[in-house]
Amino acid sequence: MALQVNFPFGKLVSVFVTHVEASCNFFVQINSEAGKLDALMEEIERDVLSGRARAPNAVEIMVGSIYLAQYQEDSRWYRSRVLGVNI
């Protein structure tokens, strides 16, 4: 389910900044590649609705791992990374 695109260095492209971290790292979406992200979001939705994407048991969840999480604001499913745990 991972989506990776090589950035076209030396070429002017239109991008959308999707995330900025406190460490000054930032993530962009190349606008001409937006259709690939839409297709990925549709695949995630199909996997959730069909039951192919199962919820992990609590003991299986690991810091640094990527899971699907439902965003409360729009009820859509997104890729997410576990950054830490509270015990």
PDB file of N, CA and C in Angstrom:
ATOM      1  N   MET A   1       0.814  -1.186   0.000  1.00  0.00           N
ATOM      2  CA  MET A   1       0.000   0.000   0.000  1.00  0.00           C
ATOM      3  C   MET A   1       0.865   1.260   0.000  1.00  0.00           C
ATOM      4  N   ALA A   2       2.144   1.123   0.118  1.00  0.00           N
ATOM      5  CA  ALA A   2       3.028   2.293   0.137  1.00  0.00           C
ATOM      6  C   ALA A   2       3.045   2.956  -1.231  1.00  0.00           C
ATOM      7  N   LEU A   3       3.102   4.254  -1.229  1.00  0.00           N
ATOM      8  CA  LEU A   3       3.134   5.028  -2.462  1.00  0.00           C
ATOM      9  C   LEU A   3       4.355   5.921  -2.411  1.00  0.00           C
ATOM     10  N   GLN A   4       5.227   5.772  -3.390  1.00  0.00           N
ATOM     11  CA  GLN A   4       6.442   6.580  -3.409  1.00  0.00           C
ATOM     12  C   GLN A   4       6.660   7.067  -4.832  1.00  0.00           C
ATOM     13  N   VAL A   5       6.979   8.345  -4.958  1.00  0.00           N
ATOM     14  CA  VAL A   5       7.226   8.955  -6.252  1.00  0.00           C
ATOM     15  C   VAL A   5       8.580   9.639  -6.187  1.00  0.00           C
ATOM     16  N   ASN A   6       9.401   9.445  -7.204  1.00  0.00           N
ATOM     17  CA  ASN A   6      10.681  10.147  -7.252  1.00  0.00           C
ATOM     18  C   ASN A   6      10.430  11.598  -7.597  1.00  0.00           C
ATOM     19  N   PHE A   7      11.012  12.484  -6.805  1.00  0.00           N
ATOM     20  CA  PHE A   7      10.826  13.911  -7.036  1.00  0.00           C
ATOM     21  C   PHE A   7      11.619  14.331  -8.273  1.00  0.00           C
ATOM     22  N   PRO A   8      10.998  15.058  -9.190  1.00  0.00           N
ATOM     23  CA  PRO A   8      11.674  15.442 -10.440  1.00  0.00           C
ATOM     24  C   PRO A   8      12.605  16.644 -10.257  1.00  0.00           C
ATOM     25  N   PHE A   9      13.799  16.410  -9.698  1.00  0.00           N
ATOM     26  CA  PHE A   9      14.756  17.492  -9.468  1.00  0.00           C
ATOM     27  C   PHE A   9      15.140  18.149 -10.790  1.00  0.00           C
ATOM     28  N   GLY A  10      15.323  19.466 -10.753  1.00  0.00           N
ATOM     29  CA  GLY A  10      15.692  20.210 -11.943  1.00  0.00           C
ATOM     30  C   GLY A  10      14.517  20.582 -12.815  1.00  0.00           C
ATOM     31  N   LYS A  11      13.314  20.252 -12.373  1.00  0.00           N
ATOM     32  CA  LYS A  11      12.103  20.522 -13.137  1.00  0.00           C
ATOM     33  C   LYS A  11      11.120  21.264 -12.233  1.00  0.00           C
ATOM     34  N   LEU A  12      10.480  22.290 -12.755  1.00  0.00           N
ATOM     35  CA  LEU A  12       9.500  23.053 -11.990  1.00  0.00           C
ATOM     36  C   LEU A  12       8.207  22.246 -11.891  1.00  0.00           C
ATOM     37  N   VAL A  13       7.743  22.019 -10.655  1.00  0.00           N
ATOM     38  CA  VAL A  13       6.498  21.281 -10.440  1.00  0.00           C
ATOM     39  C   VAL A  13       5.639  22.026  -9.429  1.00  0.00           C
ATOM     40  N   SER A  14       4.358  21.828  -9.523  1.00  0.00           N
ATOM     41  CA  SER A  14       3.405  22.398  -8.585  1.00  0.00           C
ATOM     42  C   SER A  14       3.167  21.362  -7.489  1.00  0.00           C
ATOM     43  N   VAL A  15       3.269  21.792  -6.208  1.00  0.00           N
ATOM     44  CA  VAL A  15       3.108  20.865  -5.094  1.00  0.00           C
ATOM     45  C   VAL A  15       2.129  21.417  -4.071  1.00  0.00           C
ATOM     46  N   PHE A  16       1.640  20.516  -3.236  1.00  0.00           N
ATOM     47  CA  PHE A  16       0.787  20.853  -2.105  1.00  0.00           C
ATOM     48  C   PHE A  16       1.517  20.377  -0.857  1.00  0.00           C
ATOM     49  N   VAL A  17       1.791  21.271   0.095  1.00  0.00           N
ATOM     50  CA  VAL A  17       2.456  20.888   1.340  1.00  0.00           C
ATOM     51  C   VAL A  17       1.425  20.185   2.215  1.00  0.00           C
ATOM     52  N   THR A  18       1.705  18.922   2.548  1.00  0.00           N
ATOM     53  CA  THR A  18       0.744  18.123   3.300  1.00  0.00           C
ATOM     54  C   THR A  18       1.021  18.064   4.789  1.00  0.00           C
ATOM     55  N   HIS A  19       2.290  18.298   5.175  1.00  0.00           N
ATOM     56  CA  HIS A  19       2.627  18.157   6.592  1.00  0.00           C
ATOM     57  C   HIS A  19       3.966  18.840   6.854  1.00  0.00           C
ATOM     58  N   VAL A  20       4.062  19.538   7.986  1.00  0.00           N
ATOM     59  CA  VAL A  20       5.330  20.145   8.417  1.00  0.00           C
ATOM     60  C   VAL A  20       5.583  19.694   9.849  1.00  0.00           C
ATOM     61  N   GLU A  21       6.795  19.170  10.084  1.00  0.00           N
ATOM     62  CA  GLU A  21       7.161  18.690  11.411  1.00  0.00           C
ATOM     63  C   GLU A  21       7.932  19.766  12.169  1.00  0.00           C
ATOM     64  N   ALA A  22       7.959  19.655  13.485  1.00  0.00           N
ATOM     65  CA  ALA A  22       8.705  20.600  14.320  1.00  0.00           C
ATOM     66  C   ALA A  22      10.195  20.590  13.975  1.00  0.00           C
ATOM     67  N   SER A  23      10.678  19.473  13.446  1.00  0.00           N
ATOM     68  CA  SER A  23      12.099  19.354  13.087  1.00  0.00           C
ATOM     69  C   SER A  23      12.408  20.044  11.759  1.00  0.00           C
ATOM     70  N   CYS A  24      11.424  20.737  11.196  1.00  0.00           N
ATOM     71  CA  CYS A  24      11.539  21.447   9.917  1.00  0.00           C
ATOM     72  C   CYS A  24      11.488  20.525   8.707  1.00  0.00           C
ATOM     73  N   ASN A  25      11.254  19.231   8.896  1.00  0.00           N
ATOM     74  CA  ASN A  25      10.988  18.354   7.755  1.00  0.00           C
ATOM     75  C   ASN A  25       9.598  18.680   7.242  1.00  0.00           C
ATOM     76  N   PHE A  26       9.414  18.588   5.934  1.00  0.00           N
ATOM     77  CA  PHE A  26       8.082  18.795   5.396  1.00  0.00           C
ATOM     78  C   PHE A  26       7.809  17.795   4.285  1.00  0.00           C
ATOM     79  N   PHE A  27       6.544  17.552   4.054  1.00  0.00           N
ATOM     80  CA  PHE A  27       6.107  16.571   3.077  1.00  0.00           C
ATOM     81  C   PHE A  27       5.213  17.268   2.066  1.00  0.00           C
ATOM     82  N   VAL A  28       5.369  16.890   0.800  1.00  0.00           N
ATOM     83  CA  VAL A  28       4.577  17.504  -0.259  1.00  0.00           C
ATOM     84  C   VAL A  28       3.929  16.433  -1.121  1.00  0.00           C
ATOM     85  N   GLN A  29       2.874  16.829  -1.783  1.00  0.00           N
ATOM     86  CA  GLN A  29       2.226  16.007  -2.796  1.00  0.00           C
ATOM     87  C   GLN A  29       2.415  16.732  -4.121  1.00  0.00           C
ATOM     88  N   ILE A  30       2.970  16.045  -5.102  1.00  0.00           N
ATOM     89  CA  ILE A  30       3.105  16.636  -6.434  1.00  0.00           C
ATOM     90  C   ILE A  30       1.707  16.663  -7.041  1.00  0.00           C
ATOM     91  N   ASN A  31       1.233  17.836  -7.394  1.00  0.00           N
ATOM     92  CA  ASN A  31      -0.151  17.985  -7.849  1.00  0.00           C
ATOM     93  C   ASN A  31      -0.501  17.079  -9.021  1.00  0.00           C
ATOM     94  N   SER A  32       0.432  16.872  -9.943  1.00  0.00           N
ATOM     95  CA  SER A  32       0.140  16.019 -11.092  1.00  0.00           C
ATOM     96  C   SER A  32       0.012  14.546 -10.701  1.00  0.00           C
ATOM     97  N   GLU A  33       0.419  14.185  -9.470  1.00  0.00           N
ATOM     98  CA  GLU A  33       0.334  12.812  -8.971  1.00  0.00           C
ATOM     99  C   GLU A  33      -0.859  12.614  -8.040  1.00  0.00           C
ATOM    100  N   ALA A  34      -1.722  13.607  -7.911  1.00  0.00           N
ATOM    101  CA  ALA A  34      -2.835  13.551  -6.956  1.00  0.00           C
ATOM    102  C   ALA A  34      -3.762  12.372  -7.227  1.00  0.00           C
ATOM    103  N   GLY A  35      -3.911  11.974  -8.466  1.00  0.00           N
ATOM    104  CA  GLY A  35      -4.773  10.839  -8.796  1.00  0.00           C
ATOM    105  C   GLY A  35      -4.313   9.558  -8.131  1.00  0.00           C
ATOM    106  N   LYS A  36      -2.993   9.387  -7.968  1.00  0.00           N
ATOM    107  CA  LYS A  36      -2.473   8.196  -7.305  1.00  0.00           C
ATOM    108  C   LYS A  36      -2.887   8.172  -5.840  1.00  0.00           C
ATOM    109  N   LEU A  37      -2.879   9.330  -5.183  1.00  0.00           N
ATOM    110  CA  LEU A  37      -3.302   9.398  -3.783  1.00  0.00           C
ATOM    111  C   LEU A  37      -4.794   9.109  -3.672  1.00  0.00           C
ATOM    112  N   ASP A  38      -5.583   9.634  -4.599  1.00  0.00           N
ATOM    113  CA  ASP A  38      -7.020   9.352  -4.599  1.00  0.00           C
ATOM    114  C   ASP A  38      -7.273   7.852  -4.736  1.00  0.00           C
ATOM    115  N   ALA A  39      -6.530   7.190  -5.626  1.00  0.00           N
ATOM    116  CA  ALA A  39      -6.687   5.748  -5.822  1.00  0.00           C
ATOM    117  C   ALA A  39      -6.302   4.991  -4.555  1.00  0.00           C
ATOM    118  N   LEU A  40      -5.242   5.435  -3.874  1.00  0.00           N
ATOM    119  CA  LEU A  40      -4.817   4.805  -2.626  1.00  0.00           C
ATOM    120  C   LEU A  40      -5.897   4.956  -1.561  1.00  0.00           C
ATOM    121  N   MET A  41      -6.491   6.146  -1.454  1.00  0.00           N
ATOM    122  CA  MET A  41      -7.545   6.371  -0.465  1.00  0.00           C
ATOM    123  C   MET A  41      -8.752   5.474  -0.750  1.00  0.00           C
ATOM    124  N   GLU A  42      -9.089   5.279  -2.022  1.00  0.00           N
ATOM    125  CA  GLU A  42     -10.199   4.393  -2.385  1.00  0.00           C
ATOM    126  C   GLU A  42      -9.874   2.945  -2.026  1.00  0.00           C
ATOM    127  N   GLU A  43      -8.612   2.530  -2.236  1.00  0.00           N
ATOM    128  CA  GLU A  43      -8.190   1.179  -1.885  1.00  0.00           C
ATOM    129  C   GLU A  43      -8.278   0.961  -0.375  1.00  0.00           C
ATOM    130  N   ILE A  44      -7.860   1.932   0.402  1.00  0.00           N
ATOM    131  CA  ILE A  44      -7.956   1.843   1.856  1.00  0.00           C
ATOM    132  C   ILE A  44      -9.416   1.681   2.273  1.00  0.00           C
ATOM    133  N   GLU A  45     -10.288   2.487   1.702  1.00  0.00           N
ATOM    134  CA  GLU A  45     -11.721   2.412   2.043  1.00  0.00           C
ATOM    135  C   GLU A  45     -12.289   1.031   1.705  1.00  0.00           C
ATOM    136  N   ARG A  46     -11.939   0.493   0.549  1.00  0.00           N
ATOM    137  CA  ARG A  46     -12.412  -0.849   0.157  1.00  0.00           C
ATOM    138  C   ARG A  46     -11.895  -1.909   1.131  1.00  0.00           C
ATOM    139  N   ASP A  47     -10.617  -1.812   1.514  1.00  0.00           N
ATOM    140  CA  ASP A  47     -10.045  -2.789   2.439  1.00  0.00           C
ATOM    141  C   ASP A  47     -10.736  -2.754   3.798  1.00  0.00           C
ATOM    142  N   VAL A  48     -11.063  -1.562   4.271  1.00  0.00           N
ATOM    143  CA  VAL A  48     -11.744  -1.427   5.566  1.00  0.00           C
ATOM    144  C   VAL A  48     -13.162  -1.989   5.463  1.00  0.00           C
ATOM    145  N   LEU A  49     -13.891  -1.596   4.433  1.00  0.00           N
ATOM    146  CA  LEU A  49     -15.280  -2.038   4.292  1.00  0.00           C
ATOM    147  C   LEU A  49     -15.404  -3.544   4.053  1.00  0.00           C
ATOM    148  N   SER A  50     -14.428  -4.140   3.364  1.00  0.00           N
ATOM    149  CA  SER A  50     -14.483  -5.574   3.062  1.00  0.00           C
ATOM    150  C   SER A  50     -14.013  -6.433   4.230  1.00  0.00           C
ATOM    151  N   GLY A  51     -13.364  -5.816   5.211  1.00  0.00           N
ATOM    152  CA  GLY A  51     -12.836  -6.578   6.341  1.00  0.00           C
ATOM    153  C   GLY A  51     -11.420  -7.076   6.123  1.00  0.00           C
ATOM    154  N   ARG A  52     -10.814  -6.787   4.967  1.00  0.00           N
ATOM    155  CA  ARG A  52      -9.422  -7.212   4.722  1.00  0.00           C
ATOM    156  C   ARG A  52      -8.451  -6.471   5.636  1.00  0.00           C
ATOM    157  N   ALA A  53      -8.785  -5.252   6.019  1.00  0.00           N
ATOM    158  CA  ALA A  53      -7.945  -4.486   6.945  1.00  0.00           C
ATOM    159  C   ALA A  53      -8.476  -4.762   8.350  1.00  0.00           C
ATOM    160  N   ARG A  54      -7.785  -5.613   9.079  1.00  0.00           N
ATOM    161  CA  ARG A  54      -8.260  -5.991  10.409  1.00  0.00           C
ATOM    162  C   ARG A  54      -7.556  -5.163  11.478  1.00  0.00           C
ATOM    163  N   ALA A  55      -8.226  -4.961  12.570  1.00  0.00           N
ATOM    164  CA  ALA A  55      -7.641  -4.223  13.696  1.00  0.00           C
ATOM    165  C   ALA A  55      -6.603  -5.095  14.380  1.00  0.00           C
ATOM    166  N   PRO A  56      -5.430  -4.539  14.688  1.00  0.00           N
ATOM    167  CA  PRO A  56      -4.413  -5.338  15.387  1.00  0.00           C
ATOM    168  C   PRO A  56      -4.782  -5.511  16.854  1.00  0.00           C
ATOM    169  N   ASN A  57      -4.282  -6.580  17.454  1.00  0.00           N
ATOM    170  CA  ASN A  57      -4.399  -6.740  18.903  1.00  0.00           C
ATOM    171  C   ASN A  57      -3.456  -5.752  19.558  1.00  0.00           C
ATOM    172  N   ALA A  58      -3.765  -5.318  20.762  1.00  0.00           N
ATOM    173  CA  ALA A  58      -2.946  -4.314  21.451  1.00  0.00           C
ATOM    174  C   ALA A  58      -1.480  -4.739  21.546  1.00  0.00           C
ATOM    175  N   VAL A  59      -1.205  -6.025  21.752  1.00  0.00           N
ATOM    176  CA  VAL A  59       0.182  -6.485  21.894  1.00  0.00           C
ATOM    177  C   VAL A  59       0.931  -6.450  20.562  1.00  0.00           C
ATOM    178  N   GLU A  60       0.220  -6.350  19.441  1.00  0.00           N
ATOM    179  CA  GLU A  60       0.849  -6.300  18.115  1.00  0.00           C
ATOM    180  C   GLU A  60       1.274  -4.884  17.720  1.00  0.00           C
ATOM    181  N   ILE A  61       0.735  -3.875  18.365  1.00  0.00           N
ATOM    182  CA  ILE A  61       1.007  -2.493  17.980  1.00  0.00           C
ATOM    183  C   ILE A  61       2.405  -2.102  18.443  1.00  0.00           C
ATOM    184  N   MET A  62       3.188  -1.566  17.487  1.00  0.00           N
ATOM    185  CA  MET A  62       4.577  -1.215  17.782  1.00  0.00           C
ATOM    186  C   MET A  62       4.854   0.236  17.402  1.00  0.00           C
ATOM    187  N   VAL A  63       5.617   0.931  18.227  1.00  0.00           N
ATOM    188  CA  VAL A  63       6.032   2.296  17.928  1.00  0.00           C
ATOM    189  C   VAL A  63       6.821   2.277  16.619  1.00  0.00           C
ATOM    190  N   GLY A  64       6.509   3.216  15.743  1.00  0.00           N
ATOM    191  CA  GLY A  64       7.171   3.315  14.451  1.00  0.00           C
ATOM    192  C   GLY A  64       6.435   2.604  13.338  1.00  0.00           C
ATOM    193  N   SER A  65       5.505   1.724  13.677  1.00  0.00           N
ATOM    194  CA  SER A  65       4.752   0.993  12.662  1.00  0.00           C
ATOM    195  C   SER A  65       3.640   1.859  12.070  1.00  0.00           C
ATOM    196  N   ILE A  66       3.223   1.486  10.872  1.00  0.00           N
ATOM    197  CA  ILE A  66       2.173   2.224  10.167  1.00  0.00           C
ATOM    198  C   ILE A  66       0.889   1.394  10.192  1.00  0.00           C
ATOM    199  N   TYR A  67      -0.210   2.060  10.529  1.00  0.00           N
ATOM    200  CA  TYR A  67      -1.522   1.432  10.604  1.00  0.00           C
ATOM    201  C   TYR A  67      -2.536   2.342   9.929  1.00  0.00           C
ATOM    202  N   LEU A  68      -3.755   1.835   9.774  1.00  0.00           N
ATOM    203  CA  LEU A  68      -4.855   2.667   9.315  1.00  0.00           C
ATOM    204  C   LEU A  68      -5.563   3.219  10.537  1.00  0.00           C
ATOM    205  N   ALA A  69      -5.966   4.483  10.454  1.00  0.00           N
ATOM    206  CA  ALA A  69      -6.697   5.107  11.554  1.00  0.00           C
ATOM    207  C   ALA A  69      -7.817   5.948  10.966  1.00  0.00           C
ATOM    208  N   GLN A  70      -8.959   5.922  11.624  1.00  0.00           N
ATOM    209  CA  GLN A  70     -10.088   6.719  11.151  1.00  0.00           C
ATOM    210  C   GLN A  70     -10.022   8.104  11.785  1.00  0.00           C
ATOM    211  N   TYR A  71     -10.024   9.120  10.932  1.00  0.00           N
ATOM    212  CA  TYR A  71      -9.949  10.508  11.372  1.00  0.00           C
ATOM    213  C   TYR A  71     -11.349  10.965  11.753  1.00  0.00           C
ATOM    214  N   GLN A  72     -11.497  11.440  12.981  1.00  0.00           N
ATOM    215  CA  GLN A  72     -12.812  11.779  13.524  1.00  0.00           C
ATOM    216  C   GLN A  72     -13.478  12.918  12.759  1.00  0.00           C
ATOM    217  N   GLU A  73     -12.698  13.854  12.226  1.00  0.00           N
ATOM    218  CA  GLU A  73     -13.277  15.030  11.571  1.00  0.00           C
ATOM    219  C   GLU A  73     -14.042  14.704  10.290  1.00  0.00           C
ATOM    220  N   ASP A  74     -13.561  13.721   9.507  1.00  0.00           N
ATOM    221  CA  ASP A  74     -14.240  13.407   8.239  1.00  0.00           C
ATOM    222  C   ASP A  74     -14.623  11.930   8.115  1.00  0.00           C
ATOM    223  N   SER A  75     -14.346  11.138   9.141  1.00  0.00           N
ATOM    224  CA  SER A  75     -14.661   9.702   9.186  1.00  0.00           C
ATOM    225  C   SER A  75     -13.974   8.887   8.097  1.00  0.00           C
ATOM    226  N   ARG A  76     -12.943   9.431   7.453  1.00  0.00           N
ATOM    227  CA  ARG A  76     -12.200   8.691   6.436  1.00  0.00           C
ATOM    228  C   ARG A  76     -11.011   7.994   7.093  1.00  0.00           C
ATOM    229  N   TRP A  77     -10.510   6.967   6.426  1.00  0.00           N
ATOM    230  CA  TRP A  77      -9.379   6.193   6.925  1.00  0.00           C
ATOM    231  C   TRP A  77      -8.096   6.696   6.286  1.00  0.00           C
ATOM    232  N   TYR A  78      -7.039   6.834   7.104  1.00  0.00           N
ATOM    233  CA  TYR A  78      -5.754   7.346   6.638  1.00  0.00           C
ATOM    234  C   TYR A  78      -4.626   6.458   7.150  1.00  0.00           C
ATOM    235  N   ARG A  79      -3.495   6.519   6.470  1.00  0.00           N
ATOM    236  CA  ARG A  79      -2.292   5.863   6.979  1.00  0.00           C
ATOM    237  C   ARG A  79      -1.800   6.680   8.164  1.00  0.00           C
ATOM    238  N   SER A  80      -1.333   6.004   9.183  1.00  0.00           N
ATOM    239  CA  SER A  80      -0.833   6.698  10.380  1.00  0.00           C
ATOM    240  C   SER A  80       0.359   5.934  10.939  1.00  0.00           C
ATOM    241  N   ARG A  81       1.229   6.645  11.621  1.00  0.00           N
ATOM    242  CA  ARG A  81       2.397   6.020  12.242  1.00  0.00           C
ATOM    243  C   ARG A  81       2.301   6.227  13.749  1.00  0.00           C
ATOM    244  N   VAL A  82       2.547   5.167  14.508  1.00  0.00           N
ATOM    245  CA  VAL A  82       2.542   5.247  15.971  1.00  0.00           C
ATOM    246  C   VAL A  82       3.841   5.912  16.407  1.00  0.00           C
ATOM    247  N   LEU A  83       3.721   7.050  17.086  1.00  0.00           N
ATOM    248  CA  LEU A  83       4.892   7.805  17.528  1.00  0.00           C
ATOM    249  C   LEU A  83       5.290   7.488  18.960  1.00  0.00           C
ATOM    250  N   GLY A  84       4.365   7.011  19.757  1.00  0.00           N
ATOM    251  CA  GLY A  84       4.675   6.708  21.151  1.00  0.00           C
ATOM    252  C   GLY A  84       3.462   6.088  21.825  1.00  0.00           C
ATOM    253  N   VAL A  85       3.669   5.641  23.032  1.00  0.00           N
ATOM    254  CA  VAL A  85       2.574   5.048  23.802  1.00  0.00           C
ATOM    255  C   VAL A  85       2.532   5.692  25.182  1.00  0.00           C
ATOM    256  N   ASN A  86       1.359   5.755  25.739  1.00  0.00           N
ATOM    257  CA  ASN A  86       1.152   6.222  27.105  1.00  0.00           C
ATOM    258  C   ASN A  86       0.759   5.011  27.941  1.00  0.00           C
ATOM    259  N   ILE A  87       1.501   4.763  28.989  1.00  0.00           N
ATOM    260  CA  ILE A  87       1.201   3.591  29.828  1.00  0.00           C
ATOM    261  C   ILE A  87       0.638   4.053  31.152  1.00  0.00           C
TER     262      ILE A  87
END
